[in-house]
Amino acid sequence: MAHAEESAIDVIVADLLHWFRAHGCDPDSALDRAQMHLEAELPEAV
């Protein structure tokens, strides 16, 4: 499981965060917004 988690983190960093930065977006803000969306969806999935 730890290897899968590390692989997922590598994908997020290598692809998404670099893309945000390359397009002038703040990666930290994007992560915060993504976390808020996830938390908002969790009660619906349970």
Protein backbone atom coordinates (compact mmCIF):
# COMPACT_ATOMS: atom_id res chain seq x y z
CA MET A 1 0.00 0.00 0.00
CA ALA A 2 2.85 2.40 0.79
CA HIS A 3 4.28 1.93 -2.71
CA ALA A 4 0.92 2.67 -4.31
CA GLU A 5 0.55 5.80 -2.18
CA GLU A 6 4.01 7.01 -3.18
CA SER A 7 3.20 6.37 -6.83
CA ALA A 8 -0.01 8.39 -6.56
CA ILE A 9 1.86 11.26 -4.90
CA ASP A 10 4.47 11.19 -7.68
CA VAL A 11 1.71 11.49 -10.28
CA ILE A 12 0.10 14.41 -8.46
CA VAL A 13 3.39 16.26 -8.12
CA ALA A 14 4.81 15.46 -11.53
CA ASP A 15 1.68 16.16 -13.49
CA LEU A 16 -0.83 18.34 -11.70
CA LEU A 17 1.27 20.58 -9.50
CA HIS A 18 3.80 21.27 -12.24
CA TRP A 19 0.95 22.04 -14.64
CA PHE A 20 -0.59 24.53 -12.18
CA ARG A 21 2.74 26.26 -11.67
CA ALA A 22 3.52 26.32 -15.41
CA HIS A 23 0.18 28.04 -16.04
CA GLY A 24 0.62 30.68 -13.35
CA CYS A 25 -1.65 29.06 -10.78
CA ASP A 26 -0.86 28.59 -7.11
CA PRO A 27 -0.45 24.85 -6.45
CA ASP A 28 -1.19 25.29 -2.72
CA SER A 29 -4.50 26.98 -3.46
CA ALA A 30 -5.38 24.25 -5.91
CA LEU A 31 -4.65 21.58 -3.29
CA ASP A 32 -6.76 23.45 -0.73
CA ARG A 33 -9.68 23.67 -3.15
CA ALA A 34 -9.34 19.99 -4.05
CA GLN A 35 -9.38 19.05 -0.36
CA MET A 36 -12.54 21.12 0.18
CA HIS A 37 -14.23 19.39 -2.76
CA LEU A 38 -13.25 15.97 -1.42
CA GLU A 39 -14.55 16.75 2.05
CA ALA A 40 -17.81 18.10 0.61
CA GLU A 41 -18.35 14.87 -1.33
CA LEU A 42 -17.49 12.43 1.45
CA PRO A 43 -20.84 12.52 3.31
CA GLU A 44 -22.65 11.74 0.06
CA ALA A 45 -20.51 8.65 -0.58
CA VAL A 46 -21.04 7.17 2.88
